[in-house]
């Protein structure tokens, strides 16, 4: 078969165009990121998730080479509203979200109608940090240890001790339910709309115990308003070295953390995932980052997207069992 010179010219032109397109695509991938990345925080400003998110955004943005993250708070429905926004975003690598234990591992077991499926609607990028909660009572409470509290709970009618929480489905709520299940007692759960009113009523005597985030608790400890009985991490916190873990207080394997992890919409391009994960690992390895997270009671996690997947799967199973045993269901 013979080709005319015109045919040969057109074939050469098409080949050149294809090569140029491939080179342009490769160049675009190599240039990632080319513009600021929107970091969606599914919780209100000022809380633990917001604090960690802003710290990550600050340090990621210090990486040069076009790196910049702009934090946008989209709270509501224990994180479901913000995470739905991430799930429906264009998968171009420029909208990511700060997923957390509540909206990725707990909410699916509590809410019969979820606006997204964590296992299908997100690309997991990397774990960030885990923040345990601290079991606290009023400073004038008769309970000086976790054993004191549970001994009294066994002597009283079921539900006599009132467990405050910052809301249904929060880690504080779940930690309380898990402790009750493991200890064979029953608390009366009293959910509040945030940590502020929960702490106010605990200090005022309207409730008896509360699993509080460390950074919220520190000032109250110094002010002499609260007493810490135990922490829900696997090891003692640097900031609270004299407070035992729940595990070492007789409940081996007990662990409850409000962990965070960076996610994007499903089908995020592999180059973007790799670049984001690499930048995140660099940030989490910084001594200053570790110090600032430790100061607010958090522990660095990090790791690959695959490690994030395994962790999420195990957390989903754990909290699903707690929710089922407690009979928790929300509309």
C-alpha atoms as a PDB file:
ATOM      1  CA  UNK A   1       0.000   0.000   0.000  1.00  0.00           C
ATOM      2  CA  UNK A   2       1.452   3.376  -1.016  1.00  0.00           C
ATOM      3  CA  UNK A   3       1.036   6.697   0.753  1.00  0.00           C
ATOM      4  CA  UNK A   4       1.189  10.106  -0.907  1.00  0.00           C
ATOM      5  CA  UNK A   5       3.440  12.795   0.428  1.00  0.00           C
ATOM      6  CA  UNK A   6       0.333  14.495   1.827  1.00  0.00           C
ATOM      7  CA  UNK A   7      -0.559  11.300   3.731  1.00  0.00           C
ATOM      8  CA  UNK A   8       2.959  11.056   5.117  1.00  0.00           C
ATOM      9  CA  UNK A   9       2.824  14.671   6.180  1.00  0.00           C
ATOM     10  CA  UNK A  10      -0.490  14.195   7.990  1.00  0.00           C
ATOM     11  CA  UNK A  11       0.798  11.063   9.732  1.00  0.00           C
ATOM     12  CA  UNK A  12       3.868  12.946  10.901  1.00  0.00           C
ATOM     13  CA  UNK A  13       1.707  15.838  12.065  1.00  0.00           C
ATOM     14  CA  UNK A  14      -0.572  13.538  14.090  1.00  0.00           C
ATOM     15  CA  UNK A  15       2.393  11.772  15.647  1.00  0.00           C
ATOM     16  CA  UNK A  16       3.919  15.097  16.606  1.00  0.00           C
ATOM     17  CA  UNK A  17       0.625  16.245  18.097  1.00  0.00           C
ATOM     18  CA  UNK A  18       0.327  13.039  20.129  1.00  0.00           C
ATOM     19  CA  UNK A  19       3.880  13.400  21.410  1.00  0.00           C
ATOM     20  CA  UNK A  20       3.251  17.017  22.355  1.00  0.00           C
ATOM     21  CA  UNK A  21       0.075  16.073  24.239  1.00  0.00           C
ATOM     22  CA  UNK A  22       1.910  13.315  26.119  1.00  0.00           C
ATOM     23  CA  UNK A  23       4.725  15.689  27.017  1.00  0.00           C
ATOM     24  CA  UNK A  24       2.234  18.324  28.161  1.00  0.00           C
ATOM     25  CA  UNK A  25       0.447  15.757  30.343  1.00  0.00           C
ATOM     26  CA  UNK A  26       3.703  14.589  31.881  1.00  0.00           C
ATOM     27  CA  UNK A  27       4.722  18.176  32.466  1.00  0.00           C
ATOM     28  CA  UNK A  28       1.406  18.928  34.184  1.00  0.00           C
ATOM     29  CA  UNK A  29       1.804  15.919  36.452  1.00  0.00           C
ATOM     30  CA  UNK A  30       5.384  16.837  37.286  1.00  0.00           C
ATOM     31  CA  UNK A  31       4.307  20.384  38.104  1.00  0.00           C
ATOM     32  CA  UNK A  32       1.722  19.329  40.719  1.00  0.00           C
ATOM     33  CA  UNK A  33       0.678  21.323  42.617  1.00  0.00           C
ATOM     34  CA  UNK A  34       0.139  24.247  40.262  1.00  0.00           C
ATOM     35  CA  UNK A  35      -2.275  26.151  42.503  1.00  0.00           C
ATOM     36  CA  UNK A  36      -3.429  26.226  46.159  1.00  0.00           C
ATOM     37  CA  UNK A  37      -5.103  23.140  47.554  1.00  0.00           C
ATOM     38  CA  UNK A  38      -8.393  23.527  49.437  1.00  0.00           C
ATOM     39  CA  UNK A  39      -8.359  21.646  52.746  1.00  0.00           C
ATOM     40  CA  UNK A  40     -11.941  21.027  53.886  1.00  0.00           C
ATOM     41  CA  UNK A  41     -12.314  20.756  57.660  1.00  0.00           C
ATOM     42  CA  UNK A  42     -15.680  19.139  58.501  1.00  0.00           C
ATOM     43  CA  UNK A  43     -15.779  20.593  62.018  1.00  0.00           C
ATOM     44  CA  UNK A  44     -16.145  24.131  63.444  1.00  0.00           C
ATOM     45  CA  UNK A  45     -13.145  26.428  63.998  1.00  0.00           C
ATOM     46  CA  UNK A  46     -11.340  26.091  67.300  1.00  0.00           C
ATOM     47  CA  UNK A  47     -11.811  22.358  67.935  1.00  0.00           C
ATOM     48  CA  UNK A  48      -9.263  19.561  67.856  1.00  0.00           C
ATOM     49  CA  UNK A  49      -9.760  18.664  64.183  1.00  0.00           C
ATOM     50  CA  UNK A  50      -9.542  22.317  63.168  1.00  0.00           C
ATOM     51  CA  UNK A  51      -6.355  22.834  65.187  1.00  0.00           C
ATOM     52  CA  UNK A  52      -4.603  19.850  63.618  1.00  0.00           C
ATOM     53  CA  UNK A  53      -5.830  20.819  60.138  1.00  0.00           C
ATOM     54  CA  UNK A  54      -4.498  24.357  60.389  1.00  0.00           C
ATOM     55  CA  UNK A  55      -1.176  23.089  61.677  1.00  0.00           C
ATOM     56  CA  UNK A  56      -0.900  20.661  58.744  1.00  0.00           C
ATOM     57  CA  UNK A  57      -1.907  23.365  56.239  1.00  0.00           C
ATOM     58  CA  UNK A  58       0.662  25.756  57.686  1.00  0.00           C
ATOM     59  CA  UNK A  59       3.521  23.258  57.492  1.00  0.00           C
ATOM     60  CA  UNK A  60       2.519  21.894  54.058  1.00  0.00           C
ATOM     61  CA  UNK A  61       2.485  25.474  52.764  1.00  0.00           C
ATOM     62  CA  UNK A  62       6.032  25.984  54.014  1.00  0.00           C
ATOM     63  CA  UNK A  63       7.298  23.376  51.564  1.00  0.00           C
ATOM     64  CA  UNK A  64       7.900  25.733  48.658  1.00  0.00           C
ATOM     65  CA  UNK A  65       7.546  24.507  45.063  1.00  0.00           C
ATOM     66  CA  UNK A  66       3.996  25.853  44.838  1.00  0.00           C
ATOM     67  CA  UNK A  67       2.683  24.108  47.943  1.00  0.00           C
ATOM     68  CA  UNK A  68      -0.169  25.973  49.599  1.00  0.00           C
ATOM     69  CA  UNK A  69      -3.271  24.847  51.528  1.00  0.00           C
ATOM     70  CA  UNK A  70      -6.310  26.998  52.230  1.00  0.00           C
ATOM     71  CA  UNK A  71      -8.472  25.803  55.134  1.00  0.00           C
ATOM     72  CA  UNK A  72     -12.249  25.903  54.687  1.00  0.00           C
ATOM     73  CA  UNK A  73     -14.518  24.892  57.584  1.00  0.00           C
ATOM     74  CA  UNK A  74     -17.728  23.116  56.568  1.00  0.00           C
ATOM     75  CA  UNK A  75     -19.192  21.753  59.844  1.00  0.00           C
ATOM     76  CA  UNK A  76     -22.422  19.900  60.509  1.00  0.00           C
ATOM     77  CA  UNK A  77     -23.864  16.433  61.185  1.00  0.00           C
ATOM     78  CA  UNK A  78     -20.744  15.278  63.080  1.00  0.00           C
ATOM     79  CA  UNK A  79     -18.620  15.921  60.011  1.00  0.00           C
ATOM     80  CA  UNK A  80     -20.929  14.456  57.373  1.00  0.00           C
ATOM     81  CA  UNK A  81     -21.602  17.773  55.595  1.00  0.00           C
ATOM     82  CA  UNK A  82     -17.957  18.632  55.012  1.00  0.00           C
ATOM     83  CA  UNK A  83     -17.010  15.116  54.016  1.00  0.00           C
ATOM     84  CA  UNK A  84     -19.873  14.936  51.518  1.00  0.00           C
ATOM     85  CA  UNK A  85     -18.476  18.103  49.949  1.00  0.00           C
ATOM     86  CA  UNK A  86     -15.097  16.388  49.563  1.00  0.00           C
ATOM     87  CA  UNK A  87     -16.667  13.213  48.165  1.00  0.00           C
ATOM     88  CA  UNK A  88     -18.487  15.223  45.465  1.00  0.00           C
ATOM     89  CA  UNK A  89     -15.550  17.463  44.564  1.00  0.00           C
ATOM     90  CA  UNK A  90     -13.710  17.247  41.252  1.00  0.00           C
ATOM     91  CA  UNK A  91     -10.981  14.584  41.637  1.00  0.00           C
ATOM     92  CA  UNK A  92      -8.233  16.857  40.350  1.00  0.00           C
ATOM     93  CA  UNK A  93      -6.024  16.841  43.436  1.00  0.00           C
ATOM     94  CA  UNK A  94      -6.950  20.346  44.559  1.00  0.00           C
ATOM     95  CA  UNK A  95      -9.706  19.562  47.073  1.00  0.00           C
ATOM     96  CA  UNK A  96      -8.887  17.326  50.029  1.00  0.00           C
ATOM     97  CA  UNK A  97     -10.495  16.851  53.418  1.00  0.00           C
ATOM     98  CA  UNK A  98      -9.457  16.109  56.965  1.00  0.00           C
ATOM     99  CA  UNK A  99     -11.280  12.880  57.649  1.00  0.00           C
ATOM    100  CA  UNK A 100     -11.595  11.685  61.213  1.00  0.00           C
ATOM    101  CA  UNK A 101     -12.733   8.767  63.317  1.00  0.00           C
ATOM    102  CA  UNK A 102     -16.251  10.150  63.799  1.00  0.00           C
ATOM    103  CA  UNK A 103     -17.167  10.707  60.147  1.00  0.00           C
ATOM    104  CA  UNK A 104     -15.281   7.806  58.566  1.00  0.00           C
ATOM    105  CA  UNK A 105     -15.505   4.972  61.118  1.00  0.00           C
ATOM    106  CA  UNK A 106     -18.328   5.766  63.556  1.00  0.00           C
ATOM    107  CA  UNK A 107     -21.039   7.639  61.632  1.00  0.00           C
ATOM    108  CA  UNK A 108     -21.647   4.788  59.141  1.00  0.00           C
ATOM    109  CA  UNK A 109     -22.690   2.580  62.056  1.00  0.00           C
ATOM    110  CA  UNK A 110     -24.874   5.234  63.685  1.00  0.00           C
ATOM    111  CA  UNK A 111     -26.660   6.931  60.792  1.00  0.00           C
ATOM    112  CA  UNK A 112     -28.968   4.711  58.697  1.00  0.00           C
ATOM    113  CA  UNK A 113     -28.725   7.147  55.773  1.00  0.00           C
ATOM    114  CA  UNK A 114     -25.200   8.352  55.078  1.00  0.00           C
ATOM    115  CA  UNK A 115     -24.488  10.895  52.285  1.00  0.00           C
ATOM    116  CA  UNK A 116     -21.335   8.970  51.340  1.00  0.00           C
ATOM    117  CA  UNK A 117     -19.674   5.578  51.681  1.00  0.00           C
ATOM    118  CA  UNK A 118     -16.213   5.909  53.277  1.00  0.00           C
ATOM    119  CA  UNK A 119     -14.913   2.745  51.646  1.00  0.00           C
ATOM    120  CA  UNK A 120     -15.945   3.837  48.134  1.00  0.00           C
ATOM    121  CA  UNK A 121     -16.217   7.617  47.914  1.00  0.00           C
ATOM    122  CA  UNK A 122     -12.769   8.675  49.085  1.00  0.00           C
ATOM    123  CA  UNK A 123      -9.145   8.280  48.091  1.00  0.00           C
ATOM    124  CA  UNK A 124      -7.125   7.742  51.260  1.00  0.00           C
ATOM    125  CA  UNK A 125      -3.923   9.809  51.259  1.00  0.00           C
ATOM    126  CA  UNK A 126      -2.378   9.371  54.686  1.00  0.00           C
ATOM    127  CA  UNK A 127      -3.066   9.283  58.416  1.00  0.00           C
ATOM    128  CA  UNK A 128      -2.113  12.430  60.312  1.00  0.00           C
ATOM    129  CA  UNK A 129      -2.428  12.074  64.078  1.00  0.00           C
ATOM    130  CA  UNK A 130      -4.366  10.410  66.865  1.00  0.00           C
ATOM    131  CA  UNK A 131      -5.664  12.322  69.850  1.00  0.00           C
ATOM    132  CA  UNK A 132      -6.907  10.210  72.751  1.00  0.00           C
ATOM    133  CA  UNK A 133      -9.441  11.506  75.226  1.00  0.00           C
ATOM    134  CA  UNK A 134      -9.068  11.916  78.978  1.00  0.00           C
ATOM    135  CA  UNK A 135     -11.614  10.586  81.452  1.00  0.00           C
ATOM    136  CA  UNK A 136     -12.292  13.444  83.864  1.00  0.00           C
ATOM    137  CA  UNK A 137     -14.471  14.186  86.870  1.00  0.00           C
ATOM    138  CA  UNK A 138     -14.966  17.341  88.921  1.00  0.00           C
ATOM    139  CA  UNK A 139     -12.060  18.333  91.113  1.00  0.00           C
ATOM    140  CA  UNK A 140     -14.225  17.802  94.223  1.00  0.00           C
ATOM    141  CA  UNK A 141     -15.503  14.412  93.042  1.00  0.00           C
ATOM    142  CA  UNK A 142     -15.083  11.470  95.444  1.00  0.00           C
ATOM    143  CA  UNK A 143     -13.540   9.476  92.586  1.00  0.00           C
ATOM    144  CA  UNK A 144      -9.748   9.641  92.599  1.00  0.00           C
ATOM    145  CA  UNK A 145      -9.134   6.646  90.313  1.00  0.00           C
ATOM    146  CA  UNK A 146     -10.969   4.814  87.545  1.00  0.00           C
ATOM    147  CA  UNK A 147     -11.388   1.907  89.948  1.00  0.00           C
ATOM    148  CA  UNK A 148     -13.186   4.190  92.430  1.00  0.00           C
ATOM    149  CA  UNK A 149     -15.628   5.318  89.757  1.00  0.00           C
ATOM    150  CA  UNK A 150     -16.405   1.840  88.476  1.00  0.00           C
ATOM    151  CA  UNK A 151     -16.762   0.363  91.973  1.00  0.00           C
ATOM    152  CA  UNK A 152     -19.400   3.003  92.733  1.00  0.00           C
ATOM    153  CA  UNK A 153     -21.115   2.423  89.378  1.00  0.00           C
ATOM    154  CA  UNK A 154     -21.483  -1.280  90.230  1.00  0.00           C
ATOM    155  CA  UNK A 155     -23.120  -0.427  93.569  1.00  0.00           C
ATOM    156  CA  UNK A 156     -25.636   2.017  92.117  1.00  0.00           C
ATOM    157  CA  UNK A 157     -28.713   1.312  89.965  1.00  0.00           C
ATOM    158  CA  UNK A 158     -27.937   1.163  86.240  1.00  0.00           C
ATOM    159  CA  UNK A 159     -27.667   4.602  84.678  1.00  0.00           C
ATOM    160  CA  UNK A 160     -27.126   6.458  87.942  1.00  0.00           C
ATOM    161  CA  UNK A 161     -23.822   7.959  86.803  1.00  0.00           C
ATOM    162  CA  UNK A 162     -24.279  10.562  84.068  1.00  0.00           C
ATOM    163  CA  UNK A 163     -21.819  10.495  81.169  1.00  0.00           C
ATOM    164  CA  UNK A 164     -21.505  13.830  79.361  1.00  0.00           C
ATOM    165  CA  UNK A 165     -20.326  14.035  75.751  1.00  0.00           C
ATOM    166  CA  UNK A 166     -19.798  16.736  73.141  1.00  0.00           C
ATOM    167  CA  UNK A 167     -22.413  15.022  70.978  1.00  0.00           C
ATOM    168  CA  UNK A 168     -23.763  11.709  69.755  1.00  0.00           C
ATOM    169  CA  UNK A 169     -21.161   9.671  67.920  1.00  0.00           C
ATOM    170  CA  UNK A 170     -18.155  11.609  69.180  1.00  0.00           C
ATOM    171  CA  UNK A 171     -15.106   9.765  70.465  1.00  0.00           C
ATOM    172  CA  UNK A 172     -16.008  10.809  74.006  1.00  0.00           C
ATOM    173  CA  UNK A 173     -19.422   9.189  73.616  1.00  0.00           C
ATOM    174  CA  UNK A 174     -17.963   6.040  72.088  1.00  0.00           C
ATOM    175  CA  UNK A 175     -15.189   5.751  74.680  1.00  0.00           C
ATOM    176  CA  UNK A 176     -17.774   5.935  77.440  1.00  0.00           C
ATOM    177  CA  UNK A 177     -19.911   3.245  75.838  1.00  0.00           C
ATOM    178  CA  UNK A 178     -16.889   1.000  75.300  1.00  0.00           C
ATOM    179  CA  UNK A 179     -15.771   1.414  78.907  1.00  0.00           C
ATOM    180  CA  UNK A 180     -19.278   0.650  80.189  1.00  0.00           C
ATOM    181  CA  UNK A 181     -19.412  -2.461  78.038  1.00  0.00           C
ATOM    182  CA  UNK A 182     -15.988  -3.686  79.156  1.00  0.00           C
ATOM    183  CA  UNK A 183     -16.661  -2.917  82.834  1.00  0.00           C
ATOM    184  CA  UNK A 184     -20.185  -4.329  82.912  1.00  0.00           C
ATOM    185  CA  UNK A 185     -21.835  -1.089  84.020  1.00  0.00           C
ATOM    186  CA  UNK A 186     -24.344   1.311  82.488  1.00  0.00           C
ATOM    187  CA  UNK A 187     -23.985   5.083  82.242  1.00  0.00           C
ATOM    188  CA  UNK A 188     -26.741   7.543  81.427  1.00  0.00           C
ATOM    189  CA  UNK A 189     -25.486   9.312  78.300  1.00  0.00           C
ATOM    190  CA  UNK A 190     -26.110  13.077  78.229  1.00  0.00           C
ATOM    191  CA  UNK A 191     -25.110  14.524  74.820  1.00  0.00           C
ATOM    192  CA  UNK A 192     -24.367  18.234  74.419  1.00  0.00           C
ATOM    193  CA  UNK A 193     -23.847  20.464  71.392  1.00  0.00           C
ATOM    194  CA  UNK A 194     -20.117  20.785  71.795  1.00  0.00           C
ATOM    195  CA  UNK A 195     -17.435  20.558  74.459  1.00  0.00           C
ATOM    196  CA  UNK A 196     -18.170  23.962  76.021  1.00  0.00           C
ATOM    197  CA  UNK A 197     -21.624  23.227  77.475  1.00  0.00           C
ATOM    198  CA  UNK A 198     -20.567  19.677  78.362  1.00  0.00           C
ATOM    199  CA  UNK A 199     -17.683  20.954  80.487  1.00  0.00           C
ATOM    200  CA  UNK A 200     -19.855  23.669  82.064  1.00  0.00           C
ATOM    201  CA  UNK A 201     -22.418  21.141  83.279  1.00  0.00           C
ATOM    202  CA  UNK A 202     -19.747  18.701  84.479  1.00  0.00           C
ATOM    203  CA  UNK A 203     -18.087  21.414  86.575  1.00  0.00           C
ATOM    204  CA  UNK A 204     -21.527  22.539  87.774  1.00  0.00           C
ATOM    205  CA  UNK A 205     -22.456  19.052  88.979  1.00  0.00           C
ATOM    206  CA  UNK A 206     -25.140  18.233  86.417  1.00  0.00           C
ATOM    207  CA  UNK A 207     -23.108  15.253  85.135  1.00  0.00           C
ATOM    208  CA  UNK A 208     -20.520  12.947  86.695  1.00  0.00           C
ATOM    209  CA  UNK A 209     -17.909  12.010  84.112  1.00  0.00           C
ATOM    210  CA  UNK A 210     -16.708  13.104  80.702  1.00  0.00           C
ATOM    211  CA  UNK A 211     -14.132  11.967  78.151  1.00  0.00           C
ATOM    212  CA  UNK A 212     -12.515  15.256  77.144  1.00  0.00           C
ATOM    213  CA  UNK A 213      -9.875  16.163  74.549  1.00  0.00           C
ATOM    214  CA  UNK A 214      -6.474  16.916  76.118  1.00  0.00           C
ATOM    215  CA  UNK A 215      -6.101  20.467  74.822  1.00  0.00           C
ATOM    216  CA  UNK A 216      -9.516  21.362  76.266  1.00  0.00           C
ATOM    217  CA  UNK A 217      -8.623  19.763  79.589  1.00  0.00           C
ATOM    218  CA  UNK A 218      -5.186  21.286  80.241  1.00  0.00           C
ATOM    219  CA  UNK A 219      -6.402  24.745  81.268  1.00  0.00           C
ATOM    220  CA  UNK A 220      -9.139  23.248  83.452  1.00  0.00           C
ATOM    221  CA  UNK A 221      -6.606  21.060  85.246  1.00  0.00           C
ATOM    222  CA  UNK A 222      -4.436  24.098  85.971  1.00  0.00           C
ATOM    223  CA  UNK A 223      -7.488  26.016  87.185  1.00  0.00           C
ATOM    224  CA  UNK A 224      -8.276  23.202  89.613  1.00  0.00           C
ATOM    225  CA  UNK A 225     -11.706  22.494  88.140  1.00  0.00           C
ATOM    226  CA  UNK A 226     -11.227  18.955  86.840  1.00  0.00           C
ATOM    227  CA  UNK A 227      -9.408  15.786  87.877  1.00  0.00           C
ATOM    228  CA  UNK A 228      -8.062  13.263  85.349  1.00  0.00           C
ATOM    229  CA  UNK A 229      -8.607   9.571  86.052  1.00  0.00           C
ATOM    230  CA  UNK A 230      -7.302   7.899  82.879  1.00  0.00           C
ATOM    231  CA  UNK A 231      -6.383   8.426  79.227  1.00  0.00           C
ATOM    232  CA  UNK A 232      -7.591   6.300  76.328  1.00  0.00           C
ATOM    233  CA  UNK A 233      -4.264   6.047  74.471  1.00  0.00           C
ATOM    234  CA  UNK A 234      -2.174   2.878  74.412  1.00  0.00           C
ATOM    235  CA  UNK A 235       0.583   4.653  76.374  1.00  0.00           C
ATOM    236  CA  UNK A 236       0.640   7.599  78.741  1.00  0.00           C
ATOM    237  CA  UNK A 237       0.669  11.084  77.271  1.00  0.00           C
ATOM    238  CA  UNK A 238       3.828  13.165  77.507  1.00  0.00           C
ATOM    239  CA  UNK A 239       1.737  16.085  78.688  1.00  0.00           C
ATOM    240  CA  UNK A 240       0.049  13.984  81.423  1.00  0.00           C
ATOM    241  CA  UNK A 241       2.736  11.514  82.561  1.00  0.00           C
ATOM    242  CA  UNK A 242       1.084  10.803  85.932  1.00  0.00           C
ATOM    243  CA  UNK A 243      -2.297   9.857  84.480  1.00  0.00           C
ATOM    244  CA  UNK A 244      -2.607   6.095  83.784  1.00  0.00           C
ATOM    245  CA  UNK A 245      -4.155   4.628  80.663  1.00  0.00           C
ATOM    246  CA  UNK A 246      -7.489   2.827  80.774  1.00  0.00           C
ATOM    247  CA  UNK A 247      -5.625  -0.244  79.513  1.00  0.00           C
ATOM    248  CA  UNK A 248      -3.211  -0.317  82.447  1.00  0.00           C
ATOM    249  CA  UNK A 249      -6.118   0.302  84.822  1.00  0.00           C
ATOM    250  CA  UNK A 250      -7.456  -3.183  84.165  1.00  0.00           C
ATOM    251  CA  UNK A 251      -8.783  -3.101  80.587  1.00  0.00           C
ATOM    252  CA  UNK A 252      -6.073  -4.523  78.365  1.00  0.00           C
ATOM    253  CA  UNK A 253      -6.240  -3.395  74.736  1.00  0.00           C
ATOM    254  CA  UNK A 254      -8.564  -0.470  75.445  1.00  0.00           C
ATOM    255  CA  UNK A 255      -7.865   2.361  73.001  1.00  0.00           C
ATOM    256  CA  UNK A 256      -9.988   5.230  71.724  1.00  0.00           C
ATOM    257  CA  UNK A 257      -8.606   8.097  69.690  1.00  0.00           C
ATOM    258  CA  UNK A 258     -10.027  10.961  67.690  1.00  0.00           C
ATOM    259  CA  UNK A 259      -7.674  10.307  64.798  1.00  0.00           C
ATOM    260  CA  UNK A 260      -7.390  12.353  61.638  1.00  0.00           C
ATOM    261  CA  UNK A 261      -6.367  11.486  58.090  1.00  0.00           C
ATOM    262  CA  UNK A 262      -6.075  13.300  54.776  1.00  0.00           C
ATOM    263  CA  UNK A 263      -8.513  12.117  52.088  1.00  0.00           C
ATOM    264  CA  UNK A 264      -9.602  13.205  48.635  1.00  0.00           C
ATOM    265  CA  UNK A 265     -12.496  12.357  46.313  1.00  0.00           C
ATOM    266  CA  UNK A 266     -12.564   8.895  44.781  1.00  0.00           C
ATOM    267  CA  UNK A 267     -10.360   8.369  41.713  1.00  0.00           C
ATOM    268  CA  UNK A 268      -7.783  10.963  42.691  1.00  0.00           C
ATOM    269  CA  UNK A 269      -4.879  10.807  40.181  1.00  0.00           C
ATOM    270  CA  UNK A 270      -2.012   8.657  41.431  1.00  0.00           C
ATOM    271  CA  UNK A 271       0.618  11.427  40.941  1.00  0.00           C
ATOM    272  CA  UNK A 272      -1.420  13.737  43.164  1.00  0.00           C
ATOM    273  CA  UNK A 273      -1.838  11.063  45.848  1.00  0.00           C
ATOM    274  CA  UNK A 274       1.877  10.298  45.794  1.00  0.00           C
ATOM    275  CA  UNK A 275       2.846  13.974  45.971  1.00  0.00           C
ATOM    276  CA  UNK A 276       0.396  14.736  48.789  1.00  0.00           C
ATOM    277  CA  UNK A 277       1.442  11.704  50.816  1.00  0.00           C
ATOM    278  CA  UNK A 278       5.159  12.475  50.373  1.00  0.00           C
ATOM    279  CA  UNK A 279       4.660  16.083  51.478  1.00  0.00           C
ATOM    280  CA  UNK A 280       2.555  14.955  54.457  1.00  0.00           C
ATOM    281  CA  UNK A 281       5.218  12.465  55.612  1.00  0.00           C
ATOM    282  CA  UNK A 282       7.874  15.171  55.417  1.00  0.00           C
ATOM    283  CA  UNK A 283       5.738  17.516  57.503  1.00  0.00           C
ATOM    284  CA  UNK A 284       4.927  14.872  60.143  1.00  0.00           C
ATOM    285  CA  UNK A 285       8.620  14.020  60.522  1.00  0.00           C
ATOM    286  CA  UNK A 286       9.539  17.603  61.443  1.00  0.00           C
ATOM    287  CA  UNK A 287      10.614  17.896  65.111  1.00  0.00           C
ATOM    288  CA  UNK A 288       8.624  21.114  65.475  1.00  0.00           C
ATOM    289  CA  UNK A 289       5.495  19.415  64.120  1.00  0.00           C
ATOM    290  CA  UNK A 290       5.894  16.508  66.538  1.00  0.00           C
ATOM    291  CA  UNK A 291       6.402  18.910  69.443  1.00  0.00           C
ATOM    292  CA  UNK A 292       3.341  20.998  68.625  1.00  0.00           C
ATOM    293  CA  UNK A 293       1.150  17.918  68.250  1.00  0.00           C
ATOM    294  CA  UNK A 294       2.464  16.482  71.537  1.00  0.00           C
ATOM    295  CA  UNK A 295       1.767  19.789  73.300  1.00  0.00           C
ATOM    296  CA  UNK A 296      -1.923  19.437  72.475  1.00  0.00           C
ATOM    297  CA  UNK A 297      -2.059  15.761  73.371  1.00  0.00           C
ATOM    298  CA  UNK A 298      -1.788  14.220  69.907  1.00  0.00           C
ATOM    299  CA  UNK A 299       0.463  11.472  68.611  1.00  0.00           C
ATOM    300  CA  UNK A 300       1.847  11.426  65.053  1.00  0.00           C
ATOM    301  CA  UNK A 301       0.625   8.563  62.844  1.00  0.00           C
ATOM    302  CA  UNK A 302       1.626   9.051  59.190  1.00  0.00           C
ATOM    303  CA  UNK A 303       2.211   6.155  56.804  1.00  0.00           C
ATOM    304  CA  UNK A 304       1.115   5.027  53.365  1.00  0.00           C
ATOM    305  CA  UNK A 305      -2.393   5.116  51.866  1.00  0.00           C
ATOM    306  CA  UNK A 306      -2.440   1.328  52.230  1.00  0.00           C
ATOM    307  CA  UNK A 307      -1.688   1.588  55.959  1.00  0.00           C
ATOM    308  CA  UNK A 308      -4.502   4.138  56.239  1.00  0.00           C
ATOM    309  CA  UNK A 309      -6.876   1.661  54.598  1.00  0.00           C
ATOM    310  CA  UNK A 310      -5.980  -1.099  57.062  1.00  0.00           C
ATOM    311  CA  UNK A 311      -6.354   1.259  60.014  1.00  0.00           C
ATOM    312  CA  UNK A 312      -9.740   2.524  58.802  1.00  0.00           C
ATOM    313  CA  UNK A 313     -11.003  -1.026  58.288  1.00  0.00           C
ATOM    314  CA  UNK A 314     -10.039  -2.034  61.840  1.00  0.00           C
ATOM    315  CA  UNK A 315     -11.543   1.127  63.356  1.00  0.00           C
ATOM    316  CA  UNK A 316     -14.789   0.605  61.420  1.00  0.00           C
ATOM    317  CA  UNK A 317     -15.130  -2.916  62.807  1.00  0.00           C
ATOM    318  CA  UNK A 318     -14.268  -1.840  66.374  1.00  0.00           C
ATOM    319  CA  UNK A 319     -16.697   1.045  66.578  1.00  0.00           C
ATOM    320  CA  UNK A 320     -19.386  -0.842  64.687  1.00  0.00           C
ATOM    321  CA  UNK A 321     -19.354  -3.458  67.450  1.00  0.00           C
ATOM    322  CA  UNK A 322     -19.560  -0.789  70.163  1.00  0.00           C
ATOM    323  CA  UNK A 323     -22.477   0.951  68.444  1.00  0.00           C
ATOM    324  CA  UNK A 324     -24.348  -2.324  67.976  1.00  0.00           C
ATOM    325  CA  UNK A 325     -23.822  -3.415  71.581  1.00  0.00           C
ATOM    326  CA  UNK A 326     -24.996  -0.019  72.869  1.00  0.00           C
ATOM    327  CA  UNK A 327     -27.995   0.060  70.524  1.00  0.00           C
ATOM    328  CA  UNK A 328     -27.119   3.545  69.235  1.00  0.00           C
ATOM    329  CA  UNK A 329     -29.058   4.716  66.167  1.00  0.00           C
ATOM    330  CA  UNK A 330     -29.638   8.254  64.919  1.00  0.00           C
ATOM    331  CA  UNK A 331     -31.905   9.604  62.165  1.00  0.00           C
END
